[in-house]
Amino acid sequence: MRAELVSIRTDTTPLDGLYYEPEGGNASGAALLLHGNTMNFYTCAMRFLPPALVKLGLACLAFNRRGHDILSTRNSRFAEGGAFQTAAEGIEDNRIAARWLAARGFPAPIVIGHSNGGMLAVQHVSDHPQTPALVLLSAHGGGKNIVQRGGRSGLMVGERVDEFAERAREMVKAGGGRDLMLMPGWWYAISAESFLDRLTETPDILELAPRVQCPTLFVRGDQEPRDGYPAEDFRERAGGPCTVGIVSDCDHFYNGREAVICEIVCSWLGQILQQESSRD
């Protein structure tokens, strides 16, 4: 296996990542890997899956969206990262990364997304019907009630959604859209603009499901709530075949279950690739 550090240009900050390919470069296909919220290309599934996928003959691009980690800096003191992300930016970053893979000779990669990356993966595949297969790893449902739904579990702002939304609107109105608000629950810090974007612009995977025509694998850990990670509901609505896998003794980040996830994903993908090969 070979791994190359790459930097993909955007109209602002570049998308950094690792491009993996089989030794000799004779990949039979490619996979585009989309990381979870405030994560990056070198943690969780983005880290442990590519070596296994390369054994299937796939080249892999795991990359940072501009909304990676929580906060970061590059070669200045200008802050970037997940605290400033918007849905539109994430969607565009995935399109840019896919075009980069197309320039490498892979115009229709398999798409694999974890958590928020899974939600964005559904949007990407619905916009790119030539996608041969989709793997959703604990993809959250998205939609316009995502903050409220998370609040019921104590995440982000809990039940104080209206209070924080009003504060964010006042900050944007005063010209402080990039100013940060601290969250009492998960996400820790978020800009006013990003918080309002999450309230209204997050794609809904169940609404998009009928547009997903390719085979889909939707994996969820048994420690994750079904309503937040709606694998079964997605299967019912999907426009193509969908396989659901519930992994026992498994949290959202697959701690200690990495080998199991690799086996499930690679076994399923191996069957899909074999079917594609037989049709050719």
C-alpha atoms as a PDB file:
ATOM      1  CA  MET A   1       0.000   0.000   0.000  1.00  0.00           C
ATOM      2  CA  ARG A   2       1.120   3.521  -0.766  1.00  0.00           C
ATOM      3  CA  ALA A   3      -0.124   6.672   0.964  1.00  0.00           C
ATOM      4  CA  GLU A   4       0.379  10.167  -0.414  1.00  0.00           C
ATOM      5  CA  LEU A   5      -0.278  13.377   1.499  1.00  0.00           C
ATOM      6  CA  VAL A   6      -2.359  15.613  -0.758  1.00  0.00           C
ATOM      7  CA  SER A   7      -3.720  19.147  -0.689  1.00  0.00           C
ATOM      8  CA  ILE A   8      -6.784  19.917  -2.808  1.00  0.00           C
ATOM      9  CA  ARG A   9      -7.429  23.533  -3.725  1.00  0.00           C
ATOM     10  CA  THR A  10     -10.662  25.366  -2.954  1.00  0.00           C
ATOM     11  CA  ASP A  11     -11.536  29.046  -3.264  1.00  0.00           C
ATOM     12  CA  THR A  12     -10.362  29.517   0.342  1.00  0.00           C
ATOM     13  CA  THR A  13      -8.417  26.984   2.440  1.00  0.00           C
ATOM     14  CA  PRO A  14      -7.311  23.701   0.858  1.00  0.00           C
ATOM     15  CA  LEU A  15      -8.562  20.236   1.727  1.00  0.00           C
ATOM     16  CA  ASP A  16      -5.712  18.198   3.185  1.00  0.00           C
ATOM     17  CA  GLY A  17      -5.836  14.424   3.139  1.00  0.00           C
ATOM     18  CA  LEU A  18      -4.233  11.082   2.404  1.00  0.00           C
ATOM     19  CA  TYR A  19      -4.580   9.274  -0.908  1.00  0.00           C
ATOM     20  CA  TYR A  20      -4.090   5.519  -0.570  1.00  0.00           C
ATOM     21  CA  GLU A  21      -3.612   3.081  -3.414  1.00  0.00           C
ATOM     22  CA  PRO A  22      -2.434  -0.508  -3.886  1.00  0.00           C
ATOM     23  CA  GLU A  23       1.263  -1.020  -4.421  1.00  0.00           C
ATOM     24  CA  GLY A  24       1.891  -0.490  -8.104  1.00  0.00           C
ATOM     25  CA  GLY A  25      -1.085   1.815  -8.457  1.00  0.00           C
ATOM     26  CA  ASN A  26      -3.331  -0.727 -10.187  1.00  0.00           C
ATOM     27  CA  ALA A  27      -6.565   0.133  -8.375  1.00  0.00           C
ATOM     28  CA  SER A  28      -9.771  -1.310  -9.793  1.00  0.00           C
ATOM     29  CA  GLY A  29     -11.914   1.464  -8.312  1.00  0.00           C
ATOM     30  CA  ALA A  30     -11.912   4.148  -5.652  1.00  0.00           C
ATOM     31  CA  ALA A  31     -13.588   5.187  -2.410  1.00  0.00           C
ATOM     32  CA  LEU A  32     -14.259   8.706  -1.155  1.00  0.00           C
ATOM     33  CA  LEU A  33     -14.233   8.834   2.679  1.00  0.00           C
ATOM     34  CA  LEU A  34     -16.071  11.593   4.555  1.00  0.00           C
ATOM     35  CA  HIS A  35     -15.226  12.219   8.207  1.00  0.00           C
ATOM     36  CA  GLY A  36     -17.595  12.989  11.068  1.00  0.00           C
ATOM     37  CA  ASN A  37     -18.383  16.256  12.785  1.00  0.00           C
ATOM     38  CA  THR A  38     -15.327  18.071  14.186  1.00  0.00           C
ATOM     39  CA  MET A  39     -13.174  15.071  13.201  1.00  0.00           C
ATOM     40  CA  ASN A  40     -10.550  14.612  10.485  1.00  0.00           C
ATOM     41  CA  PHE A  41      -8.948  12.170   8.040  1.00  0.00           C
ATOM     42  CA  TYR A  42      -6.643  10.553  10.589  1.00  0.00           C
ATOM     43  CA  THR A  43      -9.135   9.490  13.266  1.00  0.00           C
ATOM     44  CA  CYS A  44     -11.836   6.833  13.612  1.00  0.00           C
ATOM     45  CA  ALA A  45     -13.026   5.070  10.434  1.00  0.00           C
ATOM     46  CA  MET A  46     -11.116   7.468   8.176  1.00  0.00           C
ATOM     47  CA  ARG A  47      -7.934   6.054   9.705  1.00  0.00           C
ATOM     48  CA  PHE A  48      -8.643   2.329  10.086  1.00  0.00           C
ATOM     49  CA  LEU A  49     -10.708   1.630   6.971  1.00  0.00           C
ATOM     50  CA  PRO A  50      -8.382   2.637   4.071  1.00  0.00           C
ATOM     51  CA  PRO A  51      -5.777  -0.133   4.590  1.00  0.00           C
ATOM     52  CA  ALA A  52      -8.566  -2.714   4.518  1.00  0.00           C
ATOM     53  CA  LEU A  53     -10.193  -1.134   1.466  1.00  0.00           C
ATOM     54  CA  VAL A  54      -6.901  -1.077  -0.429  1.00  0.00           C
ATOM     55  CA  LYS A  55      -6.780  -4.877  -0.043  1.00  0.00           C
ATOM     56  CA  LEU A  56     -10.001  -4.947  -2.093  1.00  0.00           C
ATOM     57  CA  GLY A  57      -8.158  -3.144  -4.881  1.00  0.00           C
ATOM     58  CA  LEU A  58      -9.589   0.276  -4.100  1.00  0.00           C
ATOM     59  CA  ALA A  59      -7.778   3.589  -4.086  1.00  0.00           C
ATOM     60  CA  CYS A  60      -9.002   5.740  -1.180  1.00  0.00           C
ATOM     61  CA  LEU A  61      -9.165   9.454  -0.539  1.00  0.00           C
ATOM     62  CA  ALA A  62      -9.675  10.421   3.104  1.00  0.00           C
ATOM     63  CA  PHE A  63      -9.587  14.194   3.469  1.00  0.00           C
ATOM     64  CA  ASN A  64     -10.383  17.097   5.765  1.00  0.00           C
ATOM     65  CA  ARG A  65     -13.347  19.218   4.867  1.00  0.00           C
ATOM     66  CA  ARG A  66     -12.813  22.867   5.665  1.00  0.00           C
ATOM     67  CA  GLY A  67     -14.996  22.133   8.694  1.00  0.00           C
ATOM     68  CA  HIS A  68     -12.560  19.681  10.289  1.00  0.00           C
ATOM     69  CA  ASP A  69     -11.763  19.359  14.005  1.00  0.00           C
ATOM     70  CA  ILE A  70     -13.323  22.037  16.230  1.00  0.00           C
ATOM     71  CA  LEU A  71     -10.854  24.875  15.746  1.00  0.00           C
ATOM     72  CA  SER A  72      -7.557  24.986  13.921  1.00  0.00           C
ATOM     73  CA  THR A  73      -5.083  27.351  12.343  1.00  0.00           C
ATOM     74  CA  ARG A  74      -2.880  26.945   9.306  1.00  0.00           C
ATOM     75  CA  ASN A  75      -0.088  29.372   8.424  1.00  0.00           C
ATOM     76  CA  SER A  76      -1.626  32.395  10.143  1.00  0.00           C
ATOM     77  CA  ARG A  77      -3.682  33.276  13.225  1.00  0.00           C
ATOM     78  CA  PHE A  78      -6.915  33.098  11.231  1.00  0.00           C
ATOM     79  CA  ALA A  79      -9.085  30.401  12.783  1.00  0.00           C
ATOM     80  CA  GLU A  80     -10.742  27.665  10.735  1.00  0.00           C
ATOM     81  CA  GLY A  81     -12.465  24.382  11.468  1.00  0.00           C
ATOM     82  CA  GLY A  82     -15.728  22.755  12.414  1.00  0.00           C
ATOM     83  CA  ALA A  83     -16.874  25.682  14.542  1.00  0.00           C
ATOM     84  CA  PHE A  84     -17.390  27.644  11.306  1.00  0.00           C
ATOM     85  CA  GLN A  85     -18.770  24.940   9.016  1.00  0.00           C
ATOM     86  CA  THR A  86     -21.914  25.252   6.947  1.00  0.00           C
ATOM     87  CA  ALA A  87     -23.858  22.588   5.097  1.00  0.00           C
ATOM     88  CA  ALA A  88     -23.235  24.249   1.741  1.00  0.00           C
ATOM     89  CA  GLU A  89     -19.485  24.345   2.346  1.00  0.00           C
ATOM     90  CA  GLY A  90     -19.409  20.668   3.340  1.00  0.00           C
ATOM     91  CA  ILE A  91     -21.397  19.681   0.250  1.00  0.00           C
ATOM     92  CA  GLU A  92     -19.070  21.696  -1.968  1.00  0.00           C
ATOM     93  CA  ASP A  93     -15.956  20.225  -0.324  1.00  0.00           C
ATOM     94  CA  ASN A  94     -17.188  16.715  -1.121  1.00  0.00           C
ATOM     95  CA  ARG A  95     -17.804  17.723  -4.744  1.00  0.00           C
ATOM     96  CA  ILE A  96     -14.306  19.199  -4.991  1.00  0.00           C
ATOM     97  CA  ALA A  97     -12.749  16.048  -3.552  1.00  0.00           C
ATOM     98  CA  ALA A  98     -14.772  13.883  -5.950  1.00  0.00           C
ATOM     99  CA  ARG A  99     -13.556  15.970  -8.895  1.00  0.00           C
ATOM    100  CA  TRP A 100      -9.992  15.432  -7.667  1.00  0.00           C
ATOM    101  CA  LEU A 101     -10.571  11.664  -7.725  1.00  0.00           C
ATOM    102  CA  ALA A 102     -12.131  11.944 -11.184  1.00  0.00           C
ATOM    103  CA  ALA A 103      -8.953  13.630 -12.411  1.00  0.00           C
ATOM    104  CA  ARG A 104      -7.070  10.576 -11.118  1.00  0.00           C
ATOM    105  CA  GLY A 105      -9.222   8.338 -13.288  1.00  0.00           C
ATOM    106  CA  PHE A 106     -12.074   7.528 -10.879  1.00  0.00           C
ATOM    107  CA  PRO A 107     -15.172   9.475 -11.952  1.00  0.00           C
ATOM    108  CA  ALA A 108     -17.621   7.409  -9.873  1.00  0.00           C
ATOM    109  CA  PRO A 109     -16.102   6.439  -6.507  1.00  0.00           C
ATOM    110  CA  ILE A 110     -17.791   4.455  -3.761  1.00  0.00           C
ATOM    111  CA  VAL A 111     -18.813   6.914  -1.027  1.00  0.00           C
ATOM    112  CA  ILE A 112     -18.245   6.133   2.659  1.00  0.00           C
ATOM    113  CA  GLY A 113     -19.276   8.562   5.379  1.00  0.00           C
ATOM    114  CA  HIS A 114     -19.197   8.500   9.177  1.00  0.00           C
ATOM    115  CA  SER A 115     -21.714  10.418  11.326  1.00  0.00           C
ATOM    116  CA  ASN A 116     -22.053  13.956   9.905  1.00  0.00           C
ATOM    117  CA  GLY A 117     -19.982  12.739   6.966  1.00  0.00           C
ATOM    118  CA  GLY A 118     -22.595  10.033   6.456  1.00  0.00           C
ATOM    119  CA  MET A 119     -25.363  12.609   6.357  1.00  0.00           C
ATOM    120  CA  LEU A 120     -23.380  14.589   3.785  1.00  0.00           C
ATOM    121  CA  ALA A 121     -22.664  11.359   1.904  1.00  0.00           C
ATOM    122  CA  VAL A 122     -26.396  10.829   1.347  1.00  0.00           C
ATOM    123  CA  GLN A 123     -26.650  14.319  -0.119  1.00  0.00           C
ATOM    124  CA  HIS A 124     -23.618  13.683  -2.327  1.00  0.00           C
ATOM    125  CA  VAL A 125     -24.914  10.370  -3.655  1.00  0.00           C
ATOM    126  CA  SER A 126     -28.371  11.801  -4.306  1.00  0.00           C
ATOM    127  CA  ASP A 127     -26.628  14.460  -6.416  1.00  0.00           C
ATOM    128  CA  HIS A 128     -24.351  11.899  -8.126  1.00  0.00           C
ATOM    129  CA  PRO A 129     -26.538   8.989  -9.282  1.00  0.00           C
ATOM    130  CA  GLN A 130     -23.585   7.285 -10.976  1.00  0.00           C
ATOM    131  CA  THR A 131     -22.215   6.342  -7.523  1.00  0.00           C
ATOM    132  CA  PRO A 132     -21.788   2.532  -7.464  1.00  0.00           C
ATOM    133  CA  ALA A 133     -22.227   2.008  -3.696  1.00  0.00           C
ATOM    134  CA  LEU A 134     -22.764   3.928  -0.466  1.00  0.00           C
ATOM    135  CA  VAL A 135     -21.586   2.996   3.034  1.00  0.00           C
ATOM    136  CA  LEU A 136     -23.162   4.889   5.931  1.00  0.00           C
ATOM    137  CA  LEU A 137     -21.373   4.509   9.253  1.00  0.00           C
ATOM    138  CA  SER A 138     -23.623   5.840  12.014  1.00  0.00           C
ATOM    139  CA  ALA A 139     -24.985   8.538   9.737  1.00  0.00           C
ATOM    140  CA  HIS A 140     -27.233  10.901  11.673  1.00  0.00           C
ATOM    141  CA  GLY A 141     -30.655  11.748  10.316  1.00  0.00           C
ATOM    142  CA  GLY A 142     -30.024  15.441   9.730  1.00  0.00           C
ATOM    143  CA  GLY A 143     -33.015  17.608   8.938  1.00  0.00           C
ATOM    144  CA  LYS A 144     -34.329  20.861  10.319  1.00  0.00           C
ATOM    145  CA  ASN A 145     -34.956  19.443  13.807  1.00  0.00           C
ATOM    146  CA  ILE A 146     -31.461  18.072  14.296  1.00  0.00           C
ATOM    147  CA  VAL A 147     -30.503  20.519  17.054  1.00  0.00           C
ATOM    148  CA  GLN A 148     -33.768  19.942  18.918  1.00  0.00           C
ATOM    149  CA  ARG A 149     -33.398  16.171  18.574  1.00  0.00           C
ATOM    150  CA  GLY A 150     -29.867  16.297  19.932  1.00  0.00           C
ATOM    151  CA  GLY A 151     -31.010  18.579  22.721  1.00  0.00           C
ATOM    152  CA  ARG A 152     -33.308  15.891  24.072  1.00  0.00           C
ATOM    153  CA  SER A 153     -30.140  13.863  24.734  1.00  0.00           C
ATOM    154  CA  GLY A 154     -28.371  16.824  26.327  1.00  0.00           C
ATOM    155  CA  LEU A 155     -26.181  17.552  23.294  1.00  0.00           C
ATOM    156  CA  MET A 156     -25.124  21.000  22.082  1.00  0.00           C
ATOM    157  CA  VAL A 157     -27.463  23.467  23.843  1.00  0.00           C
ATOM    158  CA  GLY A 158     -29.852  20.960  25.367  1.00  0.00           C
ATOM    159  CA  GLU A 159     -33.325  22.462  25.637  1.00  0.00           C
ATOM    160  CA  ARG A 160     -32.056  26.031  25.271  1.00  0.00           C
ATOM    161  CA  VAL A 161     -32.354  26.078  21.471  1.00  0.00           C
ATOM    162  CA  ASP A 162     -34.545  29.186  21.232  1.00  0.00           C
ATOM    163  CA  GLU A 163     -32.316  31.121  23.613  1.00  0.00           C
ATOM    164  CA  PHE A 164     -29.141  30.321  21.667  1.00  0.00           C
ATOM    165  CA  ALA A 165     -30.818  30.905  18.301  1.00  0.00           C
ATOM    166  CA  GLU A 166     -31.904  34.376  19.367  1.00  0.00           C
ATOM    167  CA  ARG A 167     -28.416  35.149  20.666  1.00  0.00           C
ATOM    168  CA  ALA A 168     -26.888  33.923  17.389  1.00  0.00           C
ATOM    169  CA  ARG A 169     -29.249  36.091  15.315  1.00  0.00           C
ATOM    170  CA  GLU A 170     -28.289  39.138  17.376  1.00  0.00           C
ATOM    171  CA  MET A 171     -24.598  38.373  16.898  1.00  0.00           C
ATOM    172  CA  VAL A 172     -24.999  38.030  13.120  1.00  0.00           C
ATOM    173  CA  LYS A 173     -27.042  41.236  12.950  1.00  0.00           C
ATOM    174  CA  ALA A 174     -24.263  43.047  14.814  1.00  0.00           C
ATOM    175  CA  GLY A 175     -21.646  41.763  12.349  1.00  0.00           C
ATOM    176  CA  GLY A 176     -20.328  39.014  14.622  1.00  0.00           C
ATOM    177  CA  GLY A 177     -21.340  35.986  12.585  1.00  0.00           C
ATOM    178  CA  ARG A 178     -17.909  34.362  13.049  1.00  0.00           C
ATOM    179  CA  ASP A 179     -17.842  35.047  16.774  1.00  0.00           C
ATOM    180  CA  LEU A 180     -17.941  31.903  18.887  1.00  0.00           C
ATOM    181  CA  MET A 181     -20.565  30.710  21.327  1.00  0.00           C
ATOM    182  CA  LEU A 182     -19.740  28.061  23.910  1.00  0.00           C
ATOM    183  CA  MET A 183     -22.091  25.077  24.005  1.00  0.00           C
ATOM    184  CA  PRO A 184     -23.168  23.628  27.377  1.00  0.00           C
ATOM    185  CA  GLY A 185     -23.179  20.180  25.733  1.00  0.00           C
ATOM    186  CA  TRP A 186     -21.326  18.571  22.858  1.00  0.00           C
ATOM    187  CA  TRP A 187     -19.668  20.623  20.145  1.00  0.00           C
ATOM    188  CA  TYR A 188     -18.067  22.894  22.718  1.00  0.00           C
ATOM    189  CA  ALA A 189     -17.796  25.955  20.479  1.00  0.00           C
ATOM    190  CA  ILE A 190     -19.603  27.115  17.359  1.00  0.00           C
ATOM    191  CA  SER A 191     -19.887  30.370  15.463  1.00  0.00           C
ATOM    192  CA  ALA A 192     -23.199  32.186  15.375  1.00  0.00           C
ATOM    193  CA  GLU A 193     -23.467  31.702  11.608  1.00  0.00           C
ATOM    194  CA  SER A 194     -22.729  27.988  11.813  1.00  0.00           C
ATOM    195  CA  PHE A 195     -25.273  27.429  14.587  1.00  0.00           C
ATOM    196  CA  LEU A 196     -28.037  29.107  12.586  1.00  0.00           C
ATOM    197  CA  ASP A 197     -27.012  27.167   9.479  1.00  0.00           C
ATOM    198  CA  ARG A 198     -27.283  23.902  11.379  1.00  0.00           C
ATOM    199  CA  LEU A 199     -30.789  24.827  12.508  1.00  0.00           C
ATOM    200  CA  THR A 200     -32.137  25.347   9.002  1.00  0.00           C
ATOM    201  CA  GLU A 201     -29.816  23.986   6.291  1.00  0.00           C
ATOM    202  CA  THR A 202     -28.856  20.461   7.389  1.00  0.00           C
ATOM    203  CA  PRO A 203     -29.904  17.889   4.740  1.00  0.00           C
ATOM    204  CA  ASP A 204     -32.461  15.282   5.798  1.00  0.00           C
ATOM    205  CA  ILE A 205     -31.309  11.769   4.892  1.00  0.00           C
ATOM    206  CA  LEU A 206     -34.802  10.276   5.055  1.00  0.00           C
ATOM    207  CA  GLU A 207     -36.119  12.875   2.622  1.00  0.00           C
ATOM    208  CA  LEU A 208     -33.171  12.172   0.322  1.00  0.00           C
ATOM    209  CA  ALA A 209     -33.315   8.364   0.648  1.00  0.00           C
ATOM    210  CA  PRO A 210     -35.617   7.737  -2.371  1.00  0.00           C
ATOM    211  CA  ARG A 211     -33.031   9.438  -4.586  1.00  0.00           C
ATOM    212  CA  VAL A 212     -30.310   6.978  -3.507  1.00  0.00           C
ATOM    213  CA  GLN A 213     -30.539   4.257  -6.159  1.00  0.00           C
ATOM    214  CA  CYS A 214     -27.254   2.447  -5.552  1.00  0.00           C
ATOM    215  CA  PRO A 215     -26.734  -0.377  -3.034  1.00  0.00           C
ATOM    216  CA  THR A 216     -26.288   0.980   0.509  1.00  0.00           C
ATOM    217  CA  LEU A 217     -24.828  -0.465   3.692  1.00  0.00           C
ATOM    218  CA  PHE A 218     -25.987   1.344   6.862  1.00  0.00           C
ATOM    219  CA  VAL A 219     -24.078   0.387  10.032  1.00  0.00           C
ATOM    220  CA  ARG A 220     -24.942   1.497  13.562  1.00  0.00           C
ATOM    221  CA  GLY A 221     -23.581   0.543  16.974  1.00  0.00           C
ATOM    222  CA  ASP A 222     -26.040  -0.926  19.455  1.00  0.00           C
ATOM    223  CA  GLN A 223     -25.180   1.893  21.910  1.00  0.00           C
ATOM    224  CA  GLU A 224     -26.507   4.501  19.480  1.00  0.00           C
ATOM    225  CA  PRO A 225     -30.183   5.536  19.475  1.00  0.00           C
ATOM    226  CA  ARG A 226     -32.221   4.459  16.469  1.00  0.00           C
ATOM    227  CA  ASP A 227     -33.999   7.816  16.136  1.00  0.00           C
ATOM    228  CA  GLY A 228     -30.690   9.648  15.855  1.00  0.00           C
ATOM    229  CA  TYR A 229     -29.109   7.153  13.443  1.00  0.00           C
ATOM    230  CA  PRO A 230     -32.144   5.857  11.508  1.00  0.00           C
ATOM    231  CA  ALA A 231     -30.747   2.870   9.619  1.00  0.00           C
ATOM    232  CA  GLU A 232     -34.013   0.932   9.477  1.00  0.00           C
ATOM    233  CA  ASP A 233     -36.053   3.962   8.409  1.00  0.00           C
ATOM    234  CA  PHE A 234     -33.526   4.753   5.693  1.00  0.00           C
ATOM    235  CA  ARG A 235     -33.781   1.172   4.424  1.00  0.00           C
ATOM    236  CA  GLU A 236     -37.552   1.510   4.128  1.00  0.00           C
ATOM    237  CA  ARG A 237     -37.280   4.709   2.093  1.00  0.00           C
ATOM    238  CA  ALA A 238     -34.158   4.045   0.001  1.00  0.00           C
ATOM    239  CA  GLY A 239     -34.543   3.995  -3.754  1.00  0.00           C
ATOM    240  CA  GLY A 240     -32.135   1.052  -4.021  1.00  0.00           C
ATOM    241  CA  PRO A 241     -31.278  -2.003  -1.918  1.00  0.00           C
ATOM    242  CA  CYS A 242     -30.116  -1.230   1.622  1.00  0.00           C
ATOM    243  CA  THR A 243     -28.458  -3.594   4.089  1.00  0.00           C
ATOM    244  CA  VAL A 244     -28.519  -2.685   7.792  1.00  0.00           C
ATOM    245  CA  GLY A 245     -25.896  -3.893  10.252  1.00  0.00           C
ATOM    246  CA  ILE A 246     -26.208  -3.337  14.023  1.00  0.00           C
ATOM    247  CA  VAL A 247     -22.898  -3.977  15.785  1.00  0.00           C
ATOM    248  CA  SER A 248     -23.016  -5.273  19.358  1.00  0.00           C
ATOM    249  CA  ASP A 249     -21.100  -3.619  22.200  1.00  0.00           C
ATOM    250  CA  CYS A 250     -20.351  -0.683  19.908  1.00  0.00           C
ATOM    251  CA  ASP A 251     -20.342   3.081  20.450  1.00  0.00           C
ATOM    252  CA  HIS A 252     -20.519   5.908  17.927  1.00  0.00           C
ATOM    253  CA  PHE A 253     -16.765   5.921  17.342  1.00  0.00           C
ATOM    254  CA  TYR A 254     -16.332   2.117  17.128  1.00  0.00           C
ATOM    255  CA  ASN A 255     -13.824   2.029  19.962  1.00  0.00           C
ATOM    256  CA  GLY A 256     -12.528  -1.522  20.260  1.00  0.00           C
ATOM    257  CA  ARG A 257     -14.759  -2.638  17.373  1.00  0.00           C
ATOM    258  CA  GLU A 258     -12.623  -1.429  14.495  1.00  0.00           C
ATOM    259  CA  ALA A 259     -11.882  -4.939  13.205  1.00  0.00           C
ATOM    260  CA  VAL A 260     -15.583  -5.804  13.229  1.00  0.00           C
ATOM    261  CA  ILE A 261     -16.463  -2.682  11.259  1.00  0.00           C
ATOM    262  CA  CYS A 262     -13.723  -3.445   8.727  1.00  0.00           C
ATOM    263  CA  GLU A 263     -15.029  -6.981   8.296  1.00  0.00           C
ATOM    264  CA  ILE A 264     -18.641  -5.871   7.798  1.00  0.00           C
ATOM    265  CA  VAL A 265     -17.763  -3.096   5.349  1.00  0.00           C
ATOM    266  CA  CYS A 266     -15.211  -5.080   3.336  1.00  0.00           C
ATOM    267  CA  SER A 267     -17.345  -8.216   3.170  1.00  0.00           C
ATOM    268  CA  TRP A 268     -20.308  -6.231   1.868  1.00  0.00           C
ATOM    269  CA  LEU A 269     -18.214  -4.184  -0.561  1.00  0.00           C
ATOM    270  CA  GLY A 270     -16.469  -7.323  -1.804  1.00  0.00           C
ATOM    271  CA  GLN A 271     -19.833  -8.735  -2.814  1.00  0.00           C
ATOM    272  CA  ILE A 272     -20.829  -5.486  -4.530  1.00  0.00           C
ATOM    273  CA  LEU A 273     -17.546  -5.312  -6.441  1.00  0.00           C
ATOM    274  CA  GLN A 274     -17.887  -8.946  -7.478  1.00  0.00           C
ATOM    275  CA  GLN A 275     -21.385  -8.301  -8.811  1.00  0.00           C
ATOM    276  CA  GLU A 276     -20.133  -5.262 -10.720  1.00  0.00           C
ATOM    277  CA  SER A 277     -17.271  -7.300 -12.176  1.00  0.00           C
ATOM    278  CA  SER A 278     -19.583 -10.111 -13.319  1.00  0.00           C
ATOM    279  CA  ARG A 279     -21.839  -7.610 -15.097  1.00  0.00           C
ATOM    280  CA  ASP A 280     -18.841  -6.228 -16.965  1.00  0.00           C
END
